[in-house]
Amino acid sequence: MKDTDLRLLKLMHSLFKSHPWHGVHIGSEAPHTVAAYIEIVPTDTVKYETDKESGILSIDRPQRYSNICPTLYGFIPQTYCGDKVAELSRNALGRKEIVGDGDPLDICVLSERPITHGDVLLKAVPIGGLRMIDKGEADDKILAVLEGDPAYGKWKDLSQCPAEIIDRIKHYFLTYKQAPHSDTNGCEITDVYGPDQACRVIQASCEDYANTFPDYKEMMNALLK
C-alpha cells in the first residue's frame, strides 16, 4: 500500500464511523479477549441486525413471539463463518454436509450491569460456546462475559456459569424462530463446549475472514502499523 493511500485511509478512519464488521479490530488479545459489537439487549422486542453493506444497525423484524434474548447479543468483528468454522462442526459431528452460514461469528455476553441499547462495542472474555446447526449451517454461539464485570468478570470457564443460565440461552436459540403450531425451527444445539474450543472457533472464523475478505484484512493491518 502506497504512503499516500495509507494516509488517506487513516484520515477516513479518523473522520468517519467505522463499519462494525470490517472497520473494527477484533483486538490484540484475541481469541482470549475479543471486541464484540452488540446488536440486541435483553429488553429488545425487535430483532436488530447490522446491514452488511452499510454497517447501519437495522430492524430485521419484530420478535414474532414471546421470547426475549437473555443476554447481550451481537457478533465479533472481522470474523466469518466459512469452511474452517464448518470443518470444526463436520469433524466433531461426523456430518460432511455442514457448511458455514456466511455471517460474522455470533457472541452472547453476560453482564450484571444493564446496557440499555445496542450499537455499542465492548470487550468480552469467551468462556465457552454452543455448537448450533441451523438448517445444515454451522452457526456457533460464543458465550462470553463482559470484561471487568463485577459479577461475571472473573469467570474463565463455562463450568462457572449456572446451568439455568445456559439452559435459558439454549432455549432462546432453539425457539425464537419457532411458530406456535410447529415442533421445530430447523435449529439444533448438538453440544456445549468450554473456552478452549471457543478459542478454536474464533481462530477459525478469523482465518475464514482473512480468506474471504483479504482487502479488508490488508487495510486493517495497515491501520494498525
C-alpha atoms as a PDB file:
ATOM      1  CA  MET A   1       0.000   0.000   0.000  1.00  0.00           C
ATOM      2  CA  LYS A   2       1.372   3.424  -1.004  1.00  0.00           C
ATOM      3  CA  ASP A   3       2.097   6.012   1.679  1.00  0.00           C
ATOM      4  CA  THR A   4      -0.465   8.408   0.198  1.00  0.00           C
ATOM      5  CA  ASP A   5      -3.111   5.667   0.231  1.00  0.00           C
ATOM      6  CA  LEU A   6      -2.286   4.811   3.830  1.00  0.00           C
ATOM      7  CA  ARG A   7      -2.522   8.466   4.925  1.00  0.00           C
ATOM      8  CA  LEU A   8      -5.907   8.788   3.224  1.00  0.00           C
ATOM      9  CA  LEU A   9      -7.094   5.543   4.810  1.00  0.00           C
ATOM     10  CA  LYS A  10      -6.070   6.687   8.281  1.00  0.00           C
ATOM     11  CA  LEU A  11      -7.746  10.076   7.738  1.00  0.00           C
ATOM     12  CA  MET A  12     -11.028   8.456   6.677  1.00  0.00           C
ATOM     13  CA  HIS A  13     -10.849   6.046   9.611  1.00  0.00           C
ATOM     14  CA  SER A  14     -10.497   9.019  11.979  1.00  0.00           C
ATOM     15  CA  LEU A  15     -13.261  11.152  10.455  1.00  0.00           C
ATOM     16  CA  PHE A  16     -15.983   8.600   9.747  1.00  0.00           C
ATOM     17  CA  LYS A  17     -17.738   5.929  11.768  1.00  0.00           C
ATOM     18  CA  SER A  18     -16.208   2.523  11.185  1.00  0.00           C
ATOM     19  CA  HIS A  19     -18.186  -0.356   9.733  1.00  0.00           C
ATOM     20  CA  PRO A  20     -18.731  -2.609  12.797  1.00  0.00           C
ATOM     21  CA  TRP A  21     -17.894  -5.775  10.878  1.00  0.00           C
ATOM     22  CA  HIS A  22     -14.975  -4.701   8.709  1.00  0.00           C
ATOM     23  CA  GLY A  23     -13.687  -1.483  10.277  1.00  0.00           C
ATOM     24  CA  VAL A  24     -13.275  -2.581  13.911  1.00  0.00           C
ATOM     25  CA  HIS A  25     -10.289  -4.636  15.027  1.00  0.00           C
ATOM     26  CA  ILE A  26     -11.028  -7.849  16.904  1.00  0.00           C
ATOM     27  CA  GLY A  27      -8.415  -6.914  19.495  1.00  0.00           C
ATOM     28  CA  SER A  28      -4.742  -7.643  20.098  1.00  0.00           C
ATOM     29  CA  GLU A  29      -5.537 -10.300  22.754  1.00  0.00           C
ATOM     30  CA  ALA A  30      -7.867 -12.348  20.554  1.00  0.00           C
ATOM     31  CA  PRO A  31      -9.072 -15.056  20.827  1.00  0.00           C
ATOM     32  CA  HIS A  32      -8.840 -14.863  24.634  1.00  0.00           C
ATOM     33  CA  THR A  33     -10.340 -11.362  24.787  1.00  0.00           C
ATOM     34  CA  VAL A  34     -12.290 -10.021  21.818  1.00  0.00           C
ATOM     35  CA  ALA A  35     -14.191  -6.984  20.689  1.00  0.00           C
ATOM     36  CA  ALA A  36     -17.938  -7.569  20.462  1.00  0.00           C
ATOM     37  CA  TYR A  37     -20.430  -5.422  18.599  1.00  0.00           C
ATOM     38  CA  ILE A  38     -23.780  -5.623  20.380  1.00  0.00           C
ATOM     39  CA  GLU A  39     -26.939  -5.547  18.264  1.00  0.00           C
ATOM     40  CA  ILE A  40     -29.561  -6.729  20.779  1.00  0.00           C
ATOM     41  CA  VAL A  41     -30.012  -6.261  24.525  1.00  0.00           C
ATOM     42  CA  PRO A  42     -32.336  -8.321  26.777  1.00  0.00           C
ATOM     43  CA  THR A  43     -35.108  -5.685  26.776  1.00  0.00           C
ATOM     44  CA  ASP A  44     -35.450  -5.553  22.986  1.00  0.00           C
ATOM     45  CA  THR A  45     -38.693  -6.804  21.498  1.00  0.00           C
ATOM     46  CA  VAL A  46     -37.408  -6.067  17.987  1.00  0.00           C
ATOM     47  CA  LYS A  47     -34.741  -8.166  16.230  1.00  0.00           C
ATOM     48  CA  TYR A  48     -32.000  -5.750  15.202  1.00  0.00           C
ATOM     49  CA  GLU A  49     -29.336  -6.817  12.737  1.00  0.00           C
ATOM     50  CA  THR A  50     -26.439  -4.978  11.134  1.00  0.00           C
ATOM     51  CA  ASP A  51     -26.936  -4.231   7.450  1.00  0.00           C
ATOM     52  CA  LYS A  52     -23.918  -5.940   5.918  1.00  0.00           C
ATOM     53  CA  GLU A  53     -23.419  -3.376   3.149  1.00  0.00           C
ATOM     54  CA  SER A  54     -23.712  -0.113   5.100  1.00  0.00           C
ATOM     55  CA  GLY A  55     -22.904  -1.247   8.641  1.00  0.00           C
ATOM     56  CA  ILE A  56     -26.027   0.517   9.936  1.00  0.00           C
ATOM     57  CA  LEU A  57     -27.944  -1.252  12.686  1.00  0.00           C
ATOM     58  CA  SER A  58     -31.314  -2.029  11.110  1.00  0.00           C
ATOM     59  CA  ILE A  59     -34.634  -3.565  12.086  1.00  0.00           C
ATOM     60  CA  ASP A  60     -34.697  -7.136  10.846  1.00  0.00           C
ATOM     61  CA  ARG A  61     -38.143  -7.924  12.231  1.00  0.00           C
ATOM     62  CA  PRO A  62     -40.237  -7.538  15.368  1.00  0.00           C
ATOM     63  CA  GLN A  63     -39.816 -10.557  17.621  1.00  0.00           C
ATOM     64  CA  ARG A  64     -42.747 -12.661  16.485  1.00  0.00           C
ATOM     65  CA  TYR A  65     -43.304 -14.479  19.751  1.00  0.00           C
ATOM     66  CA  SER A  66     -42.699 -14.017  23.469  1.00  0.00           C
ATOM     67  CA  ASN A  67     -39.017 -14.996  23.565  1.00  0.00           C
ATOM     68  CA  ILE A  68     -36.564 -12.248  24.517  1.00  0.00           C
ATOM     69  CA  CYS A  69     -32.802 -12.730  24.212  1.00  0.00           C
ATOM     70  CA  PRO A  70     -31.450 -13.368  27.742  1.00  0.00           C
ATOM     71  CA  THR A  71     -28.015 -11.799  27.111  1.00  0.00           C
ATOM     72  CA  LEU A  72     -26.318  -9.054  25.173  1.00  0.00           C
ATOM     73  CA  TYR A  73     -26.099 -10.438  21.649  1.00  0.00           C
ATOM     74  CA  GLY A  74     -24.090  -9.475  18.602  1.00  0.00           C
ATOM     75  CA  PHE A  75     -21.009 -10.536  16.680  1.00  0.00           C
ATOM     76  CA  ILE A  76     -17.227 -10.480  16.750  1.00  0.00           C
ATOM     77  CA  PRO A  77     -15.748  -8.038  14.187  1.00  0.00           C
ATOM     78  CA  GLN A  78     -13.506  -9.371  11.429  1.00  0.00           C
ATOM     79  CA  THR A  79     -14.793 -12.914  11.715  1.00  0.00           C
ATOM     80  CA  TYR A  80     -16.645 -15.049   9.176  1.00  0.00           C
ATOM     81  CA  CYS A  81     -18.283 -18.435   9.441  1.00  0.00           C
ATOM     82  CA  GLY A  82     -16.953 -20.179   6.378  1.00  0.00           C
ATOM     83  CA  ASP A  83     -15.338 -23.513   5.622  1.00  0.00           C
ATOM     84  CA  LYS A  84     -12.883 -23.585   8.529  1.00  0.00           C
ATOM     85  CA  VAL A  85     -15.648 -22.954  11.083  1.00  0.00           C
ATOM     86  CA  ALA A  86     -17.851 -25.527   9.359  1.00  0.00           C
ATOM     87  CA  GLU A  87     -14.976 -28.020   9.381  1.00  0.00           C
ATOM     88  CA  LEU A  88     -14.879 -27.952  13.181  1.00  0.00           C
ATOM     89  CA  SER A  89     -18.534 -28.993  13.288  1.00  0.00           C
ATOM     90  CA  ARG A  90     -18.116 -31.535  10.499  1.00  0.00           C
ATOM     91  CA  ASN A  91     -15.244 -33.185  12.355  1.00  0.00           C
ATOM     92  CA  ALA A  92     -16.995 -33.079  15.733  1.00  0.00           C
ATOM     93  CA  LEU A  93     -20.276 -34.498  14.444  1.00  0.00           C
ATOM     94  CA  GLY A  94     -19.150 -36.636  11.515  1.00  0.00           C
ATOM     95  CA  ARG A  95     -21.547 -34.800   9.197  1.00  0.00           C
ATOM     96  CA  LYS A  96     -19.979 -33.909   5.864  1.00  0.00           C
ATOM     97  CA  GLU A  97     -22.895 -31.795   4.651  1.00  0.00           C
ATOM     98  CA  ILE A  98     -22.401 -28.920   7.131  1.00  0.00           C
ATOM     99  CA  VAL A  99     -21.341 -25.551   5.670  1.00  0.00           C
ATOM    100  CA  GLY A 100     -20.681 -22.155   7.210  1.00  0.00           C
ATOM    101  CA  ASP A 101     -23.585 -19.737   7.495  1.00  0.00           C
ATOM    102  CA  GLY A 102     -21.713 -16.867   5.794  1.00  0.00           C
ATOM    103  CA  ASP A 103     -22.118 -14.410   8.675  1.00  0.00           C
ATOM    104  CA  PRO A 104     -19.763 -12.997  11.290  1.00  0.00           C
ATOM    105  CA  LEU A 105     -19.365 -15.161  14.390  1.00  0.00           C
ATOM    106  CA  ASP A 106     -22.176 -14.623  16.912  1.00  0.00           C
ATOM    107  CA  ILE A 107     -21.448 -13.864  20.557  1.00  0.00           C
ATOM    108  CA  CYS A 108     -23.600 -13.748  23.705  1.00  0.00           C
ATOM    109  CA  VAL A 109     -22.176 -11.606  26.502  1.00  0.00           C
ATOM    110  CA  LEU A 110     -23.216 -11.873  30.134  1.00  0.00           C
ATOM    111  CA  SER A 111     -23.245  -8.641  32.126  1.00  0.00           C
ATOM    112  CA  GLU A 112     -24.569  -7.908  35.605  1.00  0.00           C
ATOM    113  CA  ARG A 113     -24.941  -4.213  34.733  1.00  0.00           C
ATOM    114  CA  PRO A 114     -27.834  -3.317  32.417  1.00  0.00           C
ATOM    115  CA  ILE A 115     -26.902  -1.999  28.974  1.00  0.00           C
ATOM    116  CA  THR A 116     -29.983  -0.300  27.613  1.00  0.00           C
ATOM    117  CA  HIS A 117     -29.393  -0.286  23.861  1.00  0.00           C
ATOM    118  CA  GLY A 118     -27.408  -1.922  21.111  1.00  0.00           C
ATOM    119  CA  ASP A 119     -24.985  -0.369  18.617  1.00  0.00           C
ATOM    120  CA  VAL A 120     -22.174  -0.472  21.187  1.00  0.00           C
ATOM    121  CA  LEU A 121     -18.737  -2.057  21.306  1.00  0.00           C
ATOM    122  CA  LEU A 122     -17.365  -3.839  24.337  1.00  0.00           C
ATOM    123  CA  LYS A 123     -14.560  -6.178  25.341  1.00  0.00           C
ATOM    124  CA  ALA A 124     -15.615  -9.732  26.083  1.00  0.00           C
ATOM    125  CA  VAL A 125     -13.861 -12.781  27.519  1.00  0.00           C
ATOM    126  CA  PRO A 126     -15.032 -16.056  25.876  1.00  0.00           C
ATOM    127  CA  ILE A 127     -15.801 -18.813  28.390  1.00  0.00           C
ATOM    128  CA  GLY A 128     -17.417 -21.365  26.066  1.00  0.00           C
ATOM    129  CA  GLY A 129     -19.968 -21.765  23.341  1.00  0.00           C
ATOM    130  CA  LEU A 130     -22.899 -23.582  21.811  1.00  0.00           C
ATOM    131  CA  ARG A 131     -22.388 -25.720  18.721  1.00  0.00           C
ATOM    132  CA  MET A 132     -25.514 -24.840  16.818  1.00  0.00           C
ATOM    133  CA  ILE A 133     -26.543 -26.143  13.400  1.00  0.00           C
ATOM    134  CA  ASP A 134     -29.203 -24.110  11.620  1.00  0.00           C
ATOM    135  CA  LYS A 135     -30.645 -25.948   8.611  1.00  0.00           C
ATOM    136  CA  GLY A 136     -27.313 -27.566   7.822  1.00  0.00           C
ATOM    137  CA  GLU A 137     -25.204 -24.465   8.505  1.00  0.00           C
ATOM    138  CA  ALA A 138     -22.667 -24.032  11.307  1.00  0.00           C
ATOM    139  CA  ASP A 139     -23.980 -21.181  13.472  1.00  0.00           C
ATOM    140  CA  ASP A 140     -21.887 -21.316  16.650  1.00  0.00           C
ATOM    141  CA  LYS A 141     -22.765 -19.004  19.530  1.00  0.00           C
ATOM    142  CA  ILE A 142     -19.749 -17.951  21.578  1.00  0.00           C
ATOM    143  CA  LEU A 143     -20.631 -17.404  25.248  1.00  0.00           C
ATOM    144  CA  ALA A 144     -18.620 -14.702  26.992  1.00  0.00           C
ATOM    145  CA  VAL A 145     -18.561 -12.340  29.954  1.00  0.00           C
ATOM    146  CA  LEU A 146     -18.128  -8.580  29.892  1.00  0.00           C
ATOM    147  CA  GLU A 147     -14.513  -7.775  30.746  1.00  0.00           C
ATOM    148  CA  GLY A 148     -14.349  -6.299  34.242  1.00  0.00           C
ATOM    149  CA  ASP A 149     -17.977  -7.105  35.053  1.00  0.00           C
ATOM    150  CA  PRO A 150     -18.404  -7.056  38.864  1.00  0.00           C
ATOM    151  CA  ALA A 151     -20.480 -10.257  38.954  1.00  0.00           C
ATOM    152  CA  TYR A 152     -19.274 -12.321  35.990  1.00  0.00           C
ATOM    153  CA  GLY A 153     -15.947 -10.749  35.056  1.00  0.00           C
ATOM    154  CA  LYS A 154     -13.807 -13.312  36.873  1.00  0.00           C
ATOM    155  CA  TRP A 155     -15.387 -16.316  35.154  1.00  0.00           C
ATOM    156  CA  LYS A 156     -12.928 -18.160  32.917  1.00  0.00           C
ATOM    157  CA  ASP A 157     -14.881 -21.314  32.079  1.00  0.00           C
ATOM    158  CA  LEU A 158     -18.474 -22.170  31.259  1.00  0.00           C
ATOM    159  CA  SER A 159     -18.468 -24.582  34.203  1.00  0.00           C
ATOM    160  CA  GLN A 160     -18.660 -21.493  36.452  1.00  0.00           C
ATOM    161  CA  CYS A 161     -21.956 -20.468  34.849  1.00  0.00           C
ATOM    162  CA  PRO A 162     -25.147 -21.843  36.448  1.00  0.00           C
ATOM    163  CA  ALA A 163     -26.819 -24.483  34.300  1.00  0.00           C
ATOM    164  CA  GLU A 164     -30.067 -22.493  34.441  1.00  0.00           C
ATOM    165  CA  ILE A 165     -28.474 -19.600  32.544  1.00  0.00           C
ATOM    166  CA  ILE A 166     -27.081 -21.904  29.864  1.00  0.00           C
ATOM    167  CA  ASP A 167     -30.481 -23.592  29.531  1.00  0.00           C
ATOM    168  CA  ARG A 168     -32.147 -20.196  29.116  1.00  0.00           C
ATOM    169  CA  ILE A 169     -29.752 -19.237  26.319  1.00  0.00           C
ATOM    170  CA  LYS A 170     -30.220 -22.614  24.610  1.00  0.00           C
ATOM    171  CA  HIS A 171     -33.996 -22.299  24.861  1.00  0.00           C
ATOM    172  CA  TYR A 172     -33.940 -18.893  23.217  1.00  0.00           C
ATOM    173  CA  PHE A 173     -31.989 -20.028  20.171  1.00  0.00           C
ATOM    174  CA  LEU A 174     -33.993 -23.227  19.811  1.00  0.00           C
ATOM    175  CA  THR A 175     -37.348 -21.460  19.917  1.00  0.00           C
ATOM    176  CA  TYR A 176     -37.049 -17.809  18.812  1.00  0.00           C
ATOM    177  CA  LYS A 177     -37.954 -18.676  15.199  1.00  0.00           C
ATOM    178  CA  GLN A 178     -40.475 -21.357  16.088  1.00  0.00           C
ATOM    179  CA  ALA A 179     -44.141 -20.817  15.332  1.00  0.00           C
ATOM    180  CA  PRO A 180     -46.658 -21.928  17.986  1.00  0.00           C
ATOM    181  CA  HIS A 181     -48.033 -24.665  15.721  1.00  0.00           C
ATOM    182  CA  SER A 182     -44.582 -26.027  14.808  1.00  0.00           C
ATOM    183  CA  ASP A 183     -42.438 -28.577  16.627  1.00  0.00           C
ATOM    184  CA  THR A 184     -39.167 -27.436  15.052  1.00  0.00           C
ATOM    185  CA  ASN A 185     -37.447 -24.428  13.530  1.00  0.00           C
ATOM    186  CA  GLY A 186     -34.590 -26.280  11.845  1.00  0.00           C
ATOM    187  CA  CYS A 187     -32.087 -25.429  14.592  1.00  0.00           C
ATOM    188  CA  GLU A 188     -30.271 -27.879  16.827  1.00  0.00           C
ATOM    189  CA  ILE A 189     -27.673 -27.423  19.549  1.00  0.00           C
ATOM    190  CA  THR A 190     -25.528 -30.508  19.445  1.00  0.00           C
ATOM    191  CA  ASP A 191     -23.217 -29.735  22.362  1.00  0.00           C
ATOM    192  CA  VAL A 192     -21.908 -27.106  24.746  1.00  0.00           C
ATOM    193  CA  TYR A 193     -18.161 -26.535  24.852  1.00  0.00           C
ATOM    194  CA  GLY A 194     -15.604 -24.747  27.011  1.00  0.00           C
ATOM    195  CA  PRO A 195     -13.150 -21.896  26.449  1.00  0.00           C
ATOM    196  CA  ASP A 196     -10.504 -23.901  24.579  1.00  0.00           C
ATOM    197  CA  GLN A 197     -12.953 -24.911  21.863  1.00  0.00           C
ATOM    198  CA  ALA A 198     -14.408 -21.393  21.825  1.00  0.00           C
ATOM    199  CA  CYS A 199     -10.942 -20.031  21.085  1.00  0.00           C
ATOM    200  CA  ARG A 200     -10.538 -22.572  18.274  1.00  0.00           C
ATOM    201  CA  VAL A 201     -13.843 -21.491  16.732  1.00  0.00           C
ATOM    202  CA  ILE A 202     -12.874 -17.809  16.983  1.00  0.00           C
ATOM    203  CA  GLN A 203      -9.474 -18.503  15.411  1.00  0.00           C
ATOM    204  CA  ALA A 204     -11.102 -20.470  12.587  1.00  0.00           C
ATOM    205  CA  SER A 205     -13.539 -17.609  11.963  1.00  0.00           C
ATOM    206  CA  CYS A 206     -10.619 -15.153  11.786  1.00  0.00           C
ATOM    207  CA  GLU A 207      -8.947 -17.358   9.172  1.00  0.00           C
ATOM    208  CA  ASP A 208     -12.213 -17.610   7.222  1.00  0.00           C
ATOM    209  CA  TYR A 209     -12.485 -13.814   7.323  1.00  0.00           C
ATOM    210  CA  ALA A 210      -8.933 -13.313   6.049  1.00  0.00           C
ATOM    211  CA  ASN A 211      -9.595 -15.752   3.206  1.00  0.00           C
ATOM    212  CA  THR A 212     -12.949 -14.201   2.294  1.00  0.00           C
ATOM    213  CA  PHE A 213     -12.113 -10.511   2.702  1.00  0.00           C
ATOM    214  CA  PRO A 214      -8.362 -10.159   2.041  1.00  0.00           C
ATOM    215  CA  ASP A 215      -8.635  -6.478   1.067  1.00  0.00           C
ATOM    216  CA  TYR A 216     -10.344  -5.502   4.321  1.00  0.00           C
ATOM    217  CA  LYS A 217      -7.804  -7.519   6.282  1.00  0.00           C
ATOM    218  CA  GLU A 218      -4.939  -5.791   4.484  1.00  0.00           C
ATOM    219  CA  MET A 219      -6.384  -2.359   5.193  1.00  0.00           C
ATOM    220  CA  MET A 220      -6.883  -3.112   8.885  1.00  0.00           C
ATOM    221  CA  ASN A 221      -3.327  -4.428   9.165  1.00  0.00           C
ATOM    222  CA  ALA A 222      -2.080  -1.215   7.557  1.00  0.00           C
ATOM    223  CA  LEU A 223      -4.034   0.912  10.033  1.00  0.00           C
ATOM    224  CA  LEU A 224      -2.502  -0.956  12.951  1.00  0.00           C
ATOM    225  CA  LYS A 225       1.097  -0.330  11.873  1.00  0.00           C
END
